[in-house]
Amino acid sequence: MEFVCIEAKAFMEMNEALEAVEKQMRETCGEGICSMDDWIDNQEACMLMNVSPRKLLQLRRSRIIPYSHIDRKVYYRRQDIIYYLENSIHHVTPKSL
């Protein structure tokens, strides 16, 4: 393990700069900044949607569900999956007698 010593004044200046960046980011993006908990991987998306990985691939290729690639892994926003599920439900109305 390596330790780095800096003066307290330099540390406080760095801390203030980071807080300023955070404040600016919140003002620009709003308070609803996505956390990593809002993203799910391919396996979790399949389980949530009750579909096979192949079906999920078809939905990606047809651009029905947005996704992101990080290295060789695919991630989906949980909100996008829920939106797709809500819009793909077929409402059945009973026949009136």
Protein backbone atom coordinates (compact mmCIF):
# COMPACT_ATOMS: atom_id res chain seq x y z
CA MET A 1 0.00 0.00 0.00
CA GLU A 2 1.27 3.44 -0.88
CA PHE A 3 0.54 6.56 1.16
CA VAL A 4 0.57 10.08 -0.17
CA CYS A 5 0.77 13.04 2.17
CA ILE A 6 -0.56 16.44 1.16
CA GLU A 7 -1.06 19.64 3.06
CA ALA A 8 -4.44 20.26 4.66
CA LYS A 9 -4.87 23.42 2.58
CA ALA A 10 -4.37 21.49 -0.69
CA PHE A 11 -6.80 18.81 0.49
CA MET A 12 -9.46 21.42 1.29
CA GLU A 13 -9.00 23.05 -2.13
CA MET A 14 -9.43 19.69 -3.87
CA ASN A 15 -12.51 18.94 -1.77
CA GLU A 16 -14.07 22.33 -2.64
CA ALA A 17 -13.36 21.77 -6.35
CA LEU A 18 -15.06 18.36 -6.24
CA GLU A 19 -18.07 19.84 -4.44
CA ALA A 20 -18.31 22.56 -7.10
CA VAL A 21 -18.27 19.92 -9.86
CA GLU A 22 -20.98 17.95 -8.04
CA LYS A 23 -23.12 21.08 -7.61
CA GLN A 24 -22.77 21.99 -11.28
CA MET A 25 -23.62 18.45 -12.35
CA ARG A 26 -26.75 18.41 -10.18
CA GLU A 27 -27.84 21.79 -11.58
CA THR A 28 -27.28 20.60 -15.15
CA CYS A 29 -28.69 17.09 -14.87
CA GLY A 30 -31.17 17.60 -12.07
CA GLU A 31 -31.50 15.60 -8.90
CA GLY A 32 -32.59 12.49 -10.79
CA ILE A 33 -29.09 11.38 -11.72
CA CYS A 34 -29.09 7.66 -12.43
CA SER A 35 -27.15 5.49 -10.07
CA MET A 36 -25.71 2.11 -10.95
CA ASP A 37 -28.67 0.52 -9.16
CA ASP A 38 -30.85 1.77 -12.03
CA TRP A 39 -28.94 -0.39 -14.55
CA ILE A 40 -29.34 -4.14 -14.93
CA ASP A 41 -27.34 -6.68 -16.90
CA ASN A 42 -28.51 -9.11 -19.56
CA GLN A 43 -29.28 -11.94 -17.14
CA GLU A 44 -31.37 -9.80 -14.81
CA ALA A 45 -33.26 -8.30 -17.77
CA CYS A 46 -34.11 -11.81 -19.03
CA MET A 47 -35.40 -12.80 -15.61
CA LEU A 48 -37.39 -9.58 -15.21
CA MET A 49 -39.00 -9.94 -18.63
CA ASN A 50 -39.25 -13.75 -18.51
CA VAL A 51 -37.64 -14.06 -21.96
CA SER A 52 -34.67 -15.94 -23.34
CA PRO A 53 -31.35 -14.21 -24.08
CA ARG A 54 -32.07 -14.74 -27.79
CA LYS A 55 -35.40 -12.87 -27.53
CA LEU A 56 -33.67 -10.04 -25.69
CA LEU A 57 -31.08 -9.90 -28.46
CA GLN A 58 -33.90 -9.61 -31.03
CA LEU A 59 -35.42 -6.73 -29.05
CA ARG A 60 -32.03 -4.99 -28.99
CA ARG A 61 -31.40 -5.49 -32.69
CA SER A 62 -34.82 -4.17 -33.61
CA ARG A 63 -34.12 -1.16 -31.36
CA ILE A 64 -37.20 -1.75 -29.26
CA ILE A 65 -35.23 -1.68 -26.01
CA PRO A 66 -32.37 0.80 -25.53
CA TYR A 67 -29.13 -0.56 -24.10
CA SER A 68 -25.52 0.29 -23.39
CA HIS A 69 -22.30 -1.64 -23.94
CA ILE A 70 -19.50 -1.49 -21.43
CA ASP A 71 -16.59 -3.63 -22.53
CA ARG A 72 -18.32 -6.85 -23.64
CA LYS A 73 -21.30 -6.61 -21.29
CA VAL A 74 -24.73 -5.25 -22.12
CA TYR A 75 -26.70 -3.13 -19.65
CA TYR A 76 -30.28 -1.88 -19.68
CA ARG A 77 -31.97 0.80 -17.65
CA ARG A 78 -34.52 -0.81 -15.37
CA GLN A 79 -36.96 1.98 -16.26
CA ASP A 80 -36.73 1.12 -19.99
CA ILE A 81 -37.48 -2.54 -19.31
CA ILE A 82 -40.49 -1.66 -17.17
CA TYR A 83 -41.72 0.79 -19.81
CA TYR A 84 -41.49 -1.91 -22.48
CA LEU A 85 -43.35 -4.41 -20.29
CA GLU A 86 -46.13 -1.92 -19.53
CA ASN A 87 -46.59 -1.06 -23.20
CA SER A 88 -46.48 -4.64 -24.44
CA ILE A 89 -49.30 -5.87 -22.21
CA HIS A 90 -52.36 -6.74 -24.23
CA HIS A 91 -55.51 -5.72 -22.40
CA VAL A 92 -58.28 -8.25 -22.69
CA THR A 93 -61.81 -6.99 -22.33
CA PRO A 94 -64.61 -9.44 -21.64
CA LYS A 95 -67.39 -9.71 -24.19
CA SER A 96 -70.56 -8.07 -23.06
CA LEU A 97 -73.52 -10.38 -22.86
